[in-house]
Amino acid sequence: MILVFSFAFGQKNVRQTASNYLKSGKLDKALEAINQCIKDPTTAEDARTWFIRGNIYLELINSSDPVYLALDPDPGTAALESYKKAIEYDPKKELYEDIFAKLSWQRNNLYNRAVDAYNKQDFSGAMKGFAGAAAAIAVANVADSVSLLNAAYCATLSKDFTSAKKFYIDLLNNKYKSVGLFVSLSDIYRMEKDYDNAIKYIELAKQDYPSDPKVFLGETSIYLTFNMTDKALKKLKEYITQDTLNYSVYFALGTIFDRMANDSALSEENKTRAFNDAMNAYKRSIALNPEYFDAYYNIGALCVNKAATLDLEANKLPLEEKELFDKLKGEANEYLNFAAPYLEKACSMQPNDLNTLQTLRQIYVRTKQTDKLKLINEKINSLTQ
């Protein structure tokens, strides 16, 4: 008994030595000493052993000494594993507050680094930082919804949809709910052409947020993506009767009519009706929100597409049909002239948008507006260079 007690006491002395080395900043010696303790059965299941080990690894994260940096390639993970063990061997939670303080420090450190990465538009790095922040505090069985949401958002920005889905589902498993979560998760599945899951999460959103316009627009987007035009149109018309002031709903309605106006399967009469309906819907959207770039651009694109259709018809005519040829070309020019002010307005709102600039250049070439053409060519050249 005396021998066992003496050996156990000796291991606790080694642990104290590790703690002393940590306090004096000798991290290599501290790590060597504490690793002796975790290999010995008398101290391997002691919460304080693992707590000290976590603290050593936490200091390694902050070290700039190459000798200490070489001690472990991933000290952050080792620190979390150590604190997790410390909590496991501390059923009475005697060290819980101290452990939680260390985990909170690591969480905040990772979170701040993630914010810095985001500000530098390193979305992949930001995603990893936010995910790490959530993982750090999760060791203490605390859910960090803010970090997980930011991780999911950054994952989407970096096109890492697999990770984004995982973060959103983790949030749902942690009992976190929001309309944005359901709609964002549904939208990822929509982009992946997974109709069943896309509609599944929209239906879940409708249970808790039945009147939220984001849910309604998310559902409409699904129908549009999967060419369920009739369902999308029905949904939009139904919603407009409830909310006549939502500019995005009129814009969505315009996009459906826009698609129909260019549908070769429809009759000319139906395509013309759809063209007029699309124009009216876009104009209504602009009336409700005069700074809505997408609506201005889409009116311009709608008219440019119409002009292109007329040009195509004209170019198919035989040479003797010169009168009809001139008529169709004249109508095409009228549509281009009508489109120009809307595209110019869109350009004033987003002056570096190449699609708008290139569409305007086509119009200026066709309508022989040389001064405007020169300016827009200079702008496009500066952007593309």
Protein backbone atom coordinates (compact mmCIF):
# COMPACT_ATOMS: atom_id res chain seq x y z
CA MET A 1 0.00 0.00 0.00
CA ILE A 2 2.85 2.36 0.88
CA LEU A 3 4.51 1.64 -2.50
CA VAL A 4 1.28 2.25 -4.46
CA PHE A 5 0.60 5.45 -2.53
CA SER A 6 4.14 6.66 -3.06
CA PHE A 7 3.96 5.96 -6.82
CA ALA A 8 0.59 7.71 -7.16
CA PHE A 9 1.89 10.66 -5.17
CA GLY A 10 4.92 10.70 -7.42
CA GLN A 11 2.74 10.95 -10.55
CA LYS A 12 0.85 13.84 -8.99
CA ASN A 13 4.19 15.51 -8.40
CA VAL A 14 4.94 15.04 -12.12
CA ARG A 15 1.59 16.68 -12.91
CA GLN A 16 2.48 19.59 -10.65
CA THR A 17 5.81 19.81 -12.42
CA ALA A 18 3.97 20.02 -15.74
CA SER A 19 1.84 22.82 -14.32
CA ASN A 20 4.93 24.67 -13.12
CA TYR A 21 6.59 24.33 -16.52
CA LEU A 22 3.41 25.71 -18.12
CA LYS A 23 3.45 28.74 -15.81
CA SER A 24 7.08 29.44 -16.66
CA GLY A 25 6.40 29.09 -20.40
CA LYS A 26 8.49 25.94 -20.93
CA LEU A 27 5.88 24.26 -23.09
CA ASP A 28 8.02 21.41 -24.39
CA LYS A 29 8.91 20.26 -20.87
CA ALA A 30 5.31 20.80 -19.71
CA LEU A 31 3.97 18.62 -22.52
CA GLU A 32 6.54 15.90 -21.86
CA ALA A 33 5.61 15.79 -18.16
CA ILE A 34 1.83 15.81 -18.66
CA ASN A 35 2.02 13.06 -21.27
CA GLN A 36 3.67 10.86 -18.64
CA CYS A 37 0.62 11.42 -16.45
CA ILE A 38 -1.96 10.48 -19.08
CA LYS A 39 -0.14 7.20 -19.70
CA ASP A 40 -0.20 6.25 -16.03
CA PRO A 41 -3.38 4.61 -14.65
CA THR A 42 -3.13 6.53 -11.35
CA THR A 43 -3.53 9.94 -13.06
CA ALA A 44 -4.89 9.05 -16.52
CA GLU A 45 -8.50 9.33 -15.36
CA ASP A 46 -8.05 12.46 -13.29
CA ALA A 47 -9.85 15.56 -14.63
CA ARG A 48 -7.05 17.89 -13.51
CA THR A 49 -4.49 15.97 -15.58
CA TRP A 50 -6.49 16.52 -18.76
CA PHE A 51 -7.31 20.12 -17.82
CA ILE A 52 -3.60 20.95 -17.49
CA ARG A 53 -2.91 19.15 -20.78
CA GLY A 54 -5.61 21.23 -22.50
CA ASN A 55 -4.06 24.42 -21.09
CA ILE A 56 -0.63 23.45 -22.44
CA TYR A 57 -2.02 22.89 -25.93
CA LEU A 58 -3.95 26.15 -25.72
CA GLU A 59 -0.68 27.97 -25.09
CA LEU A 60 0.89 26.18 -28.07
CA ILE A 61 -1.78 27.77 -30.27
CA ASN A 62 -0.55 31.24 -29.26
CA SER A 63 3.15 30.47 -29.45
CA SER A 64 5.37 31.94 -32.16
CA ASP A 65 8.37 29.82 -31.16
CA PRO A 66 9.14 27.37 -34.03
CA VAL A 67 10.36 24.76 -31.51
CA TYR A 68 7.00 24.79 -29.74
CA LEU A 69 5.03 24.99 -32.99
CA ALA A 70 6.71 21.76 -34.11
CA LEU A 71 5.45 19.89 -31.04
CA ASP A 72 2.00 19.22 -32.55
CA PRO A 73 0.58 19.92 -36.02
CA ASP A 74 -2.92 20.57 -34.65
CA PRO A 75 -2.78 21.87 -31.06
CA GLY A 76 -6.33 23.22 -31.26
CA THR A 77 -7.83 19.77 -31.74
CA ALA A 78 -5.59 18.32 -29.02
CA ALA A 79 -6.73 21.06 -26.61
CA LEU A 80 -10.41 20.30 -27.29
CA GLU A 81 -9.86 16.57 -26.86
CA SER A 82 -8.14 17.22 -23.54
CA TYR A 83 -10.94 19.45 -22.22
CA LYS A 84 -13.48 16.89 -23.34
CA LYS A 85 -11.67 14.23 -21.29
CA ALA A 86 -11.47 16.62 -18.34
CA ILE A 87 -15.26 17.07 -18.40
CA GLU A 88 -15.74 13.30 -18.72
CA TYR A 89 -13.64 12.67 -15.57
CA ASP A 90 -15.27 15.48 -13.61
CA PRO A 91 -18.80 14.19 -12.81
CA LYS A 92 -19.16 16.60 -9.87
CA LYS A 93 -18.24 19.53 -12.19
CA GLU A 94 -15.60 20.84 -9.83
CA LEU A 95 -13.51 22.10 -12.75
CA TYR A 96 -16.39 22.88 -15.12
CA GLU A 97 -16.25 26.68 -14.76
CA ASP A 98 -12.49 26.74 -15.34
CA ILE A 99 -12.81 24.44 -18.35
CA PHE A 100 -15.70 26.49 -19.76
CA ALA A 101 -13.64 29.69 -19.44
CA LYS A 102 -10.81 28.12 -21.47
CA LEU A 103 -13.22 26.80 -24.10
CA SER A 104 -14.90 30.21 -24.33
CA TRP A 105 -11.52 31.83 -24.89
CA GLN A 106 -10.76 29.41 -27.71
CA ARG A 107 -14.23 29.88 -29.19
CA ASN A 108 -13.85 33.68 -29.22
CA ASN A 109 -10.33 33.45 -30.64
CA LEU A 110 -11.50 31.25 -33.52
CA TYR A 111 -14.60 33.40 -34.07
CA ASN A 112 -12.53 36.58 -34.36
CA ARG A 113 -10.18 34.92 -36.81
CA ALA A 114 -13.18 33.82 -38.86
CA VAL A 115 -14.52 37.37 -38.95
CA ASP A 116 -11.12 38.59 -40.15
CA ALA A 117 -11.08 35.93 -42.89
CA TYR A 118 -14.62 36.91 -43.93
CA ASN A 119 -13.65 40.58 -44.18
CA LYS A 120 -10.81 39.52 -46.48
CA GLN A 121 -13.36 37.53 -48.53
CA ASP A 122 -11.66 34.25 -47.61
CA PHE A 123 -15.02 32.51 -47.24
CA SER A 124 -13.58 29.01 -46.99
CA GLY A 125 -11.24 30.10 -44.18
CA ALA A 126 -14.08 31.94 -42.47
CA MET A 127 -16.27 28.83 -42.67
CA LYS A 128 -13.57 26.73 -40.97
CA GLY A 129 -13.09 29.38 -38.28
CA PHE A 130 -16.78 29.65 -37.45
CA ALA A 131 -17.12 25.85 -37.48
CA GLY A 132 -14.14 25.60 -35.14
CA ALA A 133 -15.68 28.19 -32.80
CA ALA A 134 -18.90 26.15 -32.60
CA ALA A 135 -16.96 22.92 -32.06
CA ALA A 136 -14.94 24.48 -29.21
CA ILE A 137 -17.92 25.49 -27.13
CA ALA A 138 -19.77 22.27 -28.02
CA VAL A 139 -17.20 20.40 -25.90
CA ALA A 140 -18.95 21.98 -22.88
CA ASN A 141 -22.32 20.83 -24.29
CA VAL A 142 -23.24 24.39 -25.29
CA ALA A 143 -24.76 24.99 -28.75
CA ASP A 144 -23.36 28.00 -30.63
CA SER A 145 -26.09 28.85 -33.12
CA VAL A 146 -24.47 32.11 -34.22
CA SER A 147 -21.20 30.44 -35.22
CA LEU A 148 -22.98 27.58 -37.00
CA LEU A 149 -25.19 30.00 -38.95
CA ASN A 150 -22.14 32.01 -40.01
CA ALA A 151 -20.32 28.80 -40.96
CA ALA A 152 -23.27 27.72 -43.12
CA TYR A 153 -23.47 31.14 -44.78
CA CYS A 154 -19.73 31.17 -45.55
CA ALA A 155 -19.90 27.60 -46.83
CA THR A 156 -22.61 28.68 -49.28
CA LEU A 157 -20.51 31.67 -50.41
CA SER A 158 -17.55 29.35 -51.03
CA LYS A 159 -19.82 26.91 -52.95
CA ASP A 160 -19.22 24.19 -50.36
CA PHE A 161 -22.85 23.08 -50.28
CA THR A 162 -22.10 19.76 -48.56
CA SER A 163 -20.69 21.59 -45.53
CA ALA A 164 -23.48 24.18 -45.63
CA LYS A 165 -26.12 21.43 -45.45
CA LYS A 166 -24.29 19.78 -42.54
CA PHE A 167 -24.20 23.04 -40.54
CA TYR A 168 -27.89 23.75 -41.16
CA ILE A 169 -28.88 20.22 -40.18
CA ASP A 170 -26.70 20.49 -37.04
CA LEU A 171 -28.67 23.60 -36.14
CA LEU A 172 -31.96 21.79 -36.61
CA ASN A 173 -30.70 18.92 -34.46
CA ASN A 174 -29.87 21.50 -31.77
CA LYS A 175 -33.54 22.62 -31.88
CA TYR A 176 -32.68 25.89 -33.61
CA LYS A 177 -35.30 27.11 -36.08
CA SER A 178 -35.64 30.16 -38.28
CA VAL A 179 -37.31 30.92 -41.57
CA GLY A 180 -33.91 31.73 -43.09
CA LEU A 181 -32.50 28.34 -42.09
CA PHE A 182 -35.33 26.37 -43.72
CA VAL A 183 -35.35 28.49 -46.88
CA SER A 184 -31.54 28.43 -47.25
CA LEU A 185 -31.39 24.67 -46.78
CA SER A 186 -34.23 24.18 -49.25
CA ASP A 187 -32.49 26.46 -51.75
CA ILE A 188 -29.28 24.41 -51.63
CA TYR A 189 -31.23 21.27 -52.47
CA ARG A 190 -33.04 23.19 -55.23
CA MET A 191 -29.70 24.20 -56.78
CA GLU A 192 -28.59 20.58 -56.56
CA LYS A 193 -31.78 19.60 -58.43
CA ASP A 194 -33.03 17.55 -55.46
CA TYR A 195 -36.75 18.30 -55.62
CA ASP A 196 -37.83 16.00 -52.76
CA ASN A 197 -35.55 17.58 -50.15
CA ALA A 198 -36.07 21.10 -51.50
CA ILE A 199 -39.83 20.86 -51.07
CA LYS A 200 -39.45 18.95 -47.76
CA TYR A 201 -37.75 21.86 -45.99
CA ILE A 202 -40.12 24.42 -47.51
CA GLU A 203 -43.03 22.38 -46.15
CA LEU A 204 -41.36 22.35 -42.72
CA ALA A 205 -40.97 26.13 -42.95
CA LYS A 206 -44.65 26.52 -43.83
CA GLN A 207 -45.62 24.76 -40.60
CA ASP A 208 -43.95 27.42 -38.45
CA TYR A 209 -43.92 30.43 -40.79
CA PRO A 210 -47.00 30.04 -43.03
CA SER A 211 -47.31 33.71 -44.00
CA ASP A 212 -43.63 34.62 -44.43
CA PRO A 213 -42.91 35.85 -47.98
CA LYS A 214 -39.47 34.17 -48.01
CA VAL A 215 -41.17 30.78 -47.67
CA PHE A 216 -43.59 31.58 -50.44
CA LEU A 217 -40.84 32.82 -52.78
CA GLY A 218 -38.72 29.77 -51.92
CA GLU A 219 -41.56 27.47 -52.93
CA THR A 220 -42.11 29.42 -56.14
CA SER A 221 -38.40 29.16 -56.99
CA ILE A 222 -38.59 25.39 -56.65
CA TYR A 223 -41.50 25.20 -59.09
CA LEU A 224 -39.65 27.44 -61.55
CA THR A 225 -36.45 25.39 -61.30
CA PHE A 226 -38.33 22.16 -62.02
CA ASN A 227 -40.38 23.74 -64.84
CA MET A 228 -43.65 23.55 -62.90
CA THR A 229 -44.76 26.86 -64.41
CA ASP A 230 -48.47 26.39 -63.74
CA LYS A 231 -47.86 25.76 -60.03
CA ALA A 232 -45.51 28.73 -59.77
CA LEU A 233 -47.97 31.03 -61.53
CA LYS A 234 -50.83 29.88 -59.33
CA LYS A 235 -48.76 30.46 -56.19
CA LEU A 236 -47.77 33.96 -57.22
CA LYS A 237 -51.26 35.04 -58.15
CA GLU A 238 -52.53 33.63 -54.87
CA TYR A 239 -49.92 35.54 -52.88
CA ILE A 240 -50.47 38.85 -54.68
CA THR A 241 -54.06 38.91 -53.44
CA GLN A 242 -52.65 38.84 -49.88
CA ASP A 243 -49.77 41.26 -50.36
CA THR A 244 -50.13 43.83 -53.14
CA LEU A 245 -47.05 45.83 -52.07
CA ASN A 246 -44.33 43.18 -52.31
CA TYR A 247 -42.11 44.19 -55.24
CA SER A 248 -40.24 40.85 -55.24
CA VAL A 249 -43.50 38.97 -55.83
CA TYR A 250 -44.27 41.06 -58.92
CA PHE A 251 -40.70 40.50 -60.10
CA ALA A 252 -41.10 36.73 -59.66
CA LEU A 253 -44.37 36.90 -61.57
CA GLY A 254 -42.57 38.80 -64.32
CA THR A 255 -39.91 36.10 -64.62
CA ILE A 256 -42.58 33.46 -65.21
CA PHE A 257 -44.28 35.47 -67.95
CA ASP A 258 -40.81 36.30 -69.31
CA ARG A 259 -40.06 32.58 -69.65
CA MET A 260 -43.42 32.01 -71.35
CA ALA A 261 -42.76 34.88 -73.78
CA ASN A 262 -39.71 32.99 -75.03
CA ASP A 263 -41.29 29.53 -75.04
CA SER A 264 -41.28 28.24 -78.61
CA ALA A 265 -43.99 25.70 -77.72
CA LEU A 266 -46.57 28.48 -77.22
CA SER A 267 -48.55 30.21 -79.96
CA GLU A 268 -47.53 33.70 -81.08
CA GLU A 269 -50.69 35.10 -79.50
CA ASN A 270 -49.88 33.52 -76.12
CA LYS A 271 -46.25 34.62 -76.33
CA THR A 272 -47.31 38.21 -77.04
CA ARG A 273 -49.72 38.14 -74.11
CA ALA A 274 -46.97 36.74 -71.87
CA PHE A 275 -44.57 39.47 -73.06
CA ASN A 276 -47.05 42.19 -72.09
CA ASP A 277 -47.78 40.52 -68.75
CA ALA A 278 -44.05 40.27 -67.99
CA MET A 279 -43.55 43.95 -68.85
CA ASN A 280 -46.44 45.02 -66.61
CA ALA A 281 -45.22 42.88 -63.72
CA TYR A 282 -41.66 44.26 -63.94
CA LYS A 283 -42.97 47.82 -64.14
CA ARG A 284 -45.14 47.22 -61.09
CA SER A 285 -42.08 45.91 -59.26
CA ILE A 286 -40.16 49.10 -60.14
CA ALA A 287 -43.09 51.27 -59.05
CA LEU A 288 -42.96 49.62 -55.63
CA ASN A 289 -39.15 49.74 -55.45
CA PRO A 290 -37.59 52.33 -57.81
CA GLU A 291 -34.07 51.09 -56.94
CA TYR A 292 -34.63 47.44 -57.86
CA PHE A 293 -31.76 46.63 -60.25
CA ASP A 294 -33.06 43.21 -61.34
CA ALA A 295 -36.37 44.58 -62.58
CA TYR A 296 -34.70 47.28 -64.71
CA TYR A 297 -32.27 44.76 -66.14
CA ASN A 298 -35.01 42.22 -66.92
CA ILE A 299 -37.13 44.79 -68.79
CA GLY A 300 -34.07 45.59 -70.90
CA ALA A 301 -33.33 41.91 -71.50
CA LEU A 302 -36.98 41.17 -72.31
CA CYS A 303 -36.95 43.81 -75.05
CA VAL A 304 -33.52 42.79 -76.38
CA ASN A 305 -34.74 39.18 -76.67
CA LYS A 306 -37.86 40.39 -78.48
CA ALA A 307 -35.69 42.37 -80.89
CA ALA A 308 -33.52 39.31 -81.51
CA THR A 309 -36.63 37.25 -82.34
CA LEU A 310 -37.77 39.87 -84.84
CA ASP A 311 -34.28 39.98 -86.38
CA LEU A 312 -34.34 36.22 -86.78
CA GLU A 313 -37.70 36.39 -88.55
CA ALA A 314 -36.46 39.15 -90.84
CA ASN A 315 -33.28 37.29 -91.75
CA LYS A 316 -35.28 34.23 -92.81
CA LEU A 317 -37.27 36.21 -95.39
CA PRO A 318 -36.57 35.85 -99.11
CA LEU A 319 -34.95 38.84 -100.87
CA GLU A 320 -38.22 39.95 -102.53
CA GLU A 321 -39.83 40.53 -99.09
CA LYS A 322 -37.87 43.76 -98.58
CA GLU A 323 -40.86 45.73 -97.27
CA LEU A 324 -41.61 43.16 -94.56
CA PHE A 325 -37.87 42.86 -93.82
CA ASP A 326 -37.60 46.62 -93.20
CA LYS A 327 -40.75 46.54 -91.08
CA LEU A 328 -39.43 43.78 -88.81
CA LYS A 329 -36.02 45.44 -88.50
CA GLY A 330 -37.72 48.72 -87.62
CA GLU A 331 -39.77 47.03 -84.90
CA ALA A 332 -36.63 45.39 -83.55
CA ASN A 333 -34.95 48.81 -83.33
CA GLU A 334 -37.97 50.20 -81.46
CA TYR A 335 -37.62 47.49 -78.83
CA LEU A 336 -33.90 48.20 -78.51
CA ASN A 337 -34.52 51.92 -78.08
CA PHE A 338 -37.16 51.14 -75.47
CA ALA A 339 -34.73 48.84 -73.61
CA ALA A 340 -31.84 51.32 -73.51
CA PRO A 341 -33.08 53.66 -70.70
CA TYR A 342 -33.89 50.70 -68.43
CA LEU A 343 -30.46 49.17 -68.97
CA GLU A 344 -28.81 52.57 -68.48
CA LYS A 345 -30.65 52.91 -65.18
CA ALA A 346 -29.49 49.42 -64.19
CA CYS A 347 -25.96 50.39 -65.17
CA SER A 348 -26.10 53.49 -62.97
CA MET A 349 -27.02 51.27 -60.00
CA GLN A 350 -24.39 48.61 -60.68
CA PRO A 351 -21.79 50.28 -62.91
CA ASN A 352 -19.44 47.29 -62.96
CA ASP A 353 -21.98 44.69 -64.05
CA LEU A 354 -20.56 43.29 -67.29
CA ASN A 355 -23.81 41.71 -68.47
CA THR A 356 -25.55 45.08 -68.43
CA LEU A 357 -22.64 46.84 -70.10
CA GLN A 358 -22.31 44.25 -72.86
CA THR A 359 -26.05 44.30 -73.56
CA LEU A 360 -25.97 48.08 -73.80
CA ARG A 361 -23.01 47.88 -76.16
CA GLN A 362 -25.05 45.68 -78.52
CA ILE A 363 -27.81 48.29 -78.51
CA TYR A 364 -25.42 51.20 -79.17
CA VAL A 365 -23.79 49.30 -82.05
CA ARG A 366 -27.16 48.52 -83.60
CA THR A 367 -28.65 52.01 -83.10
CA LYS A 368 -25.37 53.73 -84.13
CA GLN A 369 -24.93 55.76 -80.92
CA THR A 370 -21.18 56.25 -81.42
CA ASP A 371 -20.49 58.56 -78.46
CA LYS A 372 -22.15 56.22 -75.99
CA LEU A 373 -20.51 53.25 -77.68
CA LYS A 374 -17.04 54.75 -77.19
CA LEU A 375 -17.62 55.35 -73.48
CA ILE A 376 -19.04 51.92 -72.82
CA ASN A 377 -16.20 50.21 -74.72
CA GLU A 378 -13.70 52.02 -72.50
CA LYS A 379 -15.59 50.92 -69.41
CA ILE A 380 -15.76 47.26 -70.54
CA ASN A 381 -12.06 47.26 -71.46
CA SER A 382 -11.05 48.64 -68.06
CA LEU A 383 -13.10 45.98 -66.27
CA THR A 384 -11.95 43.04 -68.39
CA GLN A 385 -8.28 44.08 -68.12
